[in-house]
Amino acid sequence: MEALQRSKKQLEADYHAVLDERVELVAERDAYKCKLHRLNHECNVLLNGNASGIIDLDALVMENR
């Protein structure tokens, strides 16, 4: 019985660890989606010839490192 209780506690701890990791991964995914959207917008601005809203993509990449 004690072995089962230890096993249950270990499984609960593993479950919570996986849930925490999932939350972190979802937040990271959302951040990447936002960056992708912003870069797509900037690329569209460049391709359409609107030079007033140009940003330095190289600086943005360096900032992310």
N, C-alpha and C. Protein backbone atom coordinates (compact mmCIF):
# COMPACT_ATOMS: atom_id res chain seq x y z
N MET A 1 0.82 -1.20 0.00
CA MET A 1 0.00 0.00 0.00
C MET A 1 0.87 1.27 0.00
N GLU A 2 1.94 1.24 0.80
CA GLU A 2 2.84 2.40 0.85
C GLU A 2 3.53 2.63 -0.48
N ALA A 3 3.87 1.54 -1.15
CA ALA A 3 4.51 1.66 -2.46
C ALA A 3 3.56 2.31 -3.46
N LEU A 4 2.30 1.97 -3.38
CA LEU A 4 1.31 2.57 -4.28
C LEU A 4 1.13 4.06 -3.98
N GLN A 5 1.17 4.43 -2.70
CA GLN A 5 1.04 5.84 -2.33
C GLN A 5 2.24 6.64 -2.83
N ARG A 6 3.45 6.08 -2.69
CA ARG A 6 4.64 6.75 -3.21
C ARG A 6 4.56 6.89 -4.73
N SER A 7 4.09 5.83 -5.36
CA SER A 7 3.95 5.86 -6.81
C SER A 7 2.94 6.93 -7.23
N LYS A 8 1.85 7.01 -6.49
CA LYS A 8 0.81 8.01 -6.78
C LYS A 8 1.37 9.42 -6.61
N LYS A 9 2.12 9.65 -5.53
CA LYS A 9 2.70 10.97 -5.30
C LYS A 9 3.70 11.33 -6.40
N GLN A 10 4.48 10.34 -6.82
CA GLN A 10 5.45 10.59 -7.89
C GLN A 10 4.74 10.91 -9.20
N LEU A 11 3.67 10.18 -9.50
CA LEU A 11 2.91 10.45 -10.72
C LEU A 11 2.26 11.83 -10.68
N GLU A 12 1.76 12.24 -9.50
CA GLU A 12 1.17 13.57 -9.37
C GLU A 12 2.23 14.65 -9.58
N ALA A 13 3.41 14.44 -9.02
CA ALA A 13 4.50 15.41 -9.20
C ALA A 13 4.90 15.49 -10.67
N ASP A 14 5.00 14.34 -11.33
CA ASP A 14 5.34 14.32 -12.76
C ASP A 14 4.26 15.02 -13.58
N TYR A 15 3.01 14.79 -13.22
CA TYR A 15 1.89 15.42 -13.92
C TYR A 15 1.96 16.94 -13.80
N HIS A 16 2.23 17.44 -12.61
CA HIS A 16 2.32 18.88 -12.41
C HIS A 16 3.52 19.46 -13.14
N ALA A 17 4.61 18.71 -13.17
CA ALA A 17 5.79 19.18 -13.90
C ALA A 17 5.49 19.29 -15.39
N VAL A 18 4.78 18.31 -15.92
CA VAL A 18 4.41 18.34 -17.34
C VAL A 18 3.46 19.51 -17.62
N LEU A 19 2.53 19.75 -16.72
CA LEU A 19 1.61 20.88 -16.90
C LEU A 19 2.36 22.21 -16.89
N ASP A 20 3.32 22.36 -15.97
CA ASP A 20 4.12 23.58 -15.92
C ASP A 20 4.92 23.76 -17.20
N GLU A 21 5.51 22.68 -17.69
CA GLU A 21 6.29 22.75 -18.93
C GLU A 21 5.38 23.13 -20.10
N ARG A 22 4.17 22.60 -20.10
CA ARG A 22 3.22 22.91 -21.17
C ARG A 22 2.88 24.40 -21.17
N VAL A 23 2.67 24.96 -19.99
CA VAL A 23 2.36 26.39 -19.88
C VAL A 23 3.51 27.22 -20.44
N GLU A 24 4.74 26.84 -20.10
CA GLU A 24 5.91 27.55 -20.62
C GLU A 24 6.00 27.44 -22.14
N LEU A 25 5.74 26.24 -22.66
CA LEU A 25 5.83 26.04 -24.10
C LEU A 25 4.75 26.81 -24.85
N VAL A 26 3.56 26.88 -24.28
CA VAL A 26 2.48 27.64 -24.91
C VAL A 26 2.83 29.13 -24.93
N ALA A 27 3.41 29.63 -23.84
CA ALA A 27 3.82 31.04 -23.80
C ALA A 27 4.91 31.31 -24.83
N GLU A 28 5.86 30.39 -24.94
CA GLU A 28 6.94 30.55 -25.92
C GLU A 28 6.39 30.50 -27.35
N ARG A 29 5.45 29.58 -27.58
CA ARG A 29 4.82 29.48 -28.91
C ARG A 29 4.10 30.78 -29.26
N ASP A 30 3.38 31.34 -28.30
CA ASP A 30 2.66 32.59 -28.56
C ASP A 30 3.61 33.73 -28.86
N ALA A 31 4.75 33.76 -28.17
CA ALA A 31 5.75 34.79 -28.43
C ALA A 31 6.29 34.65 -29.85
N TYR A 32 6.55 33.41 -30.27
CA TYR A 32 7.04 33.20 -31.64
C TYR A 32 5.98 33.56 -32.68
N LYS A 33 4.72 33.28 -32.38
CA LYS A 33 3.65 33.67 -33.30
C LYS A 33 3.61 35.18 -33.46
N CYS A 34 3.77 35.89 -32.36
CA CYS A 34 3.76 37.36 -32.39
C CYS A 34 4.93 37.87 -33.23
N LYS A 35 6.12 37.31 -33.01
CA LYS A 35 7.29 37.73 -33.78
C LYS A 35 7.10 37.43 -35.26
N LEU A 36 6.55 36.27 -35.58
CA LEU A 36 6.31 35.91 -36.96
C LEU A 36 5.34 36.88 -37.61
N HIS A 37 4.29 37.22 -36.90
CA HIS A 37 3.31 38.16 -37.44
C HIS A 37 3.96 39.51 -37.70
N ARG A 38 4.77 39.98 -36.76
CA ARG A 38 5.43 41.26 -36.92
C ARG A 38 6.40 41.24 -38.10
N LEU A 39 7.17 40.17 -38.24
CA LEU A 39 8.12 40.07 -39.35
C LEU A 39 7.40 39.95 -40.69
N ASN A 40 6.30 39.21 -40.73
CA ASN A 40 5.52 39.13 -41.96
C ASN A 40 4.99 40.50 -42.36
N HIS A 41 4.55 41.24 -41.37
CA HIS A 41 4.03 42.59 -41.64
C HIS A 41 5.15 43.47 -42.21
N GLU A 42 6.32 43.41 -41.59
CA GLU A 42 7.44 44.22 -42.07
C GLU A 42 7.87 43.80 -43.47
N CYS A 43 7.88 42.51 -43.75
CA CYS A 43 8.21 42.03 -45.10
C CYS A 43 7.20 42.52 -46.11
N ASN A 44 5.93 42.50 -45.76
CA ASN A 44 4.89 43.01 -46.66
C ASN A 44 5.07 44.50 -46.92
N VAL A 45 5.43 45.24 -45.89
CA VAL A 45 5.67 46.68 -46.06
C VAL A 45 6.83 46.89 -47.03
N LEU A 46 7.90 46.11 -46.86
CA LEU A 46 9.05 46.25 -47.75
C LEU A 46 8.70 45.88 -49.19
N LEU A 47 7.96 44.80 -49.36
CA LEU A 47 7.62 44.34 -50.70
C LEU A 47 6.64 45.28 -51.41
N ASN A 48 5.83 45.97 -50.64
CA ASN A 48 4.87 46.90 -51.24
C ASN A 48 5.48 48.27 -51.50
N GLY A 49 6.74 48.46 -51.09
CA GLY A 49 7.42 49.71 -51.39
C GLY A 49 7.16 50.83 -50.42
N ASN A 50 6.54 50.56 -49.30
CA ASN A 50 6.30 51.59 -48.30
C ASN A 50 7.52 51.64 -47.38
N ALA A 51 8.42 52.55 -47.65
CA ALA A 51 9.69 52.61 -46.92
C ALA A 51 9.57 53.36 -45.60
N SER A 52 8.46 53.97 -45.31
CA SER A 52 8.36 54.77 -44.09
C SER A 52 8.34 53.91 -42.83
N GLY A 53 7.92 52.66 -42.92
CA GLY A 53 7.82 51.82 -41.74
C GLY A 53 8.87 50.74 -41.65
N ILE A 54 10.03 50.93 -42.28
CA ILE A 54 11.06 49.91 -42.31
C ILE A 54 11.78 49.84 -40.96
N ILE A 55 11.99 48.61 -40.49
CA ILE A 55 12.77 48.40 -39.28
C ILE A 55 14.01 47.60 -39.64
N ASP A 56 14.98 47.58 -38.76
CA ASP A 56 16.22 46.87 -38.99
C ASP A 56 16.05 45.42 -38.55
N LEU A 57 15.85 44.50 -39.52
CA LEU A 57 15.64 43.09 -39.21
C LEU A 57 16.86 42.46 -38.58
N ASP A 58 18.05 42.87 -38.99
CA ASP A 58 19.27 42.33 -38.41
C ASP A 58 19.35 42.66 -36.92
N ALA A 59 18.98 43.86 -36.55
CA ALA A 59 18.96 44.24 -35.15
C ALA A 59 17.94 43.43 -34.37
N LEU A 60 16.83 43.15 -34.99
CA LEU A 60 15.79 42.35 -34.34
C LEU A 60 16.28 40.93 -34.10
N VAL A 61 16.97 40.35 -35.07
CA VAL A 61 17.51 38.99 -34.91
C VAL A 61 18.56 38.97 -33.83
N MET A 62 19.43 39.95 -33.79
CA MET A 62 20.46 40.02 -32.76
C MET A 62 19.86 40.19 -31.38
N GLU A 63 18.76 40.94 -31.29
CA GLU A 63 18.07 41.15 -30.01
C GLU A 63 17.52 39.83 -29.49
N ASN A 64 17.05 38.97 -30.37
CA ASN A 64 16.47 37.70 -29.98
C ASN A 64 17.50 36.68 -29.53
N ARG A 65 18.77 36.88 -29.90
CA ARG A 65 19.82 35.97 -29.47
C ARG A 65 20.17 36.29 -28.07
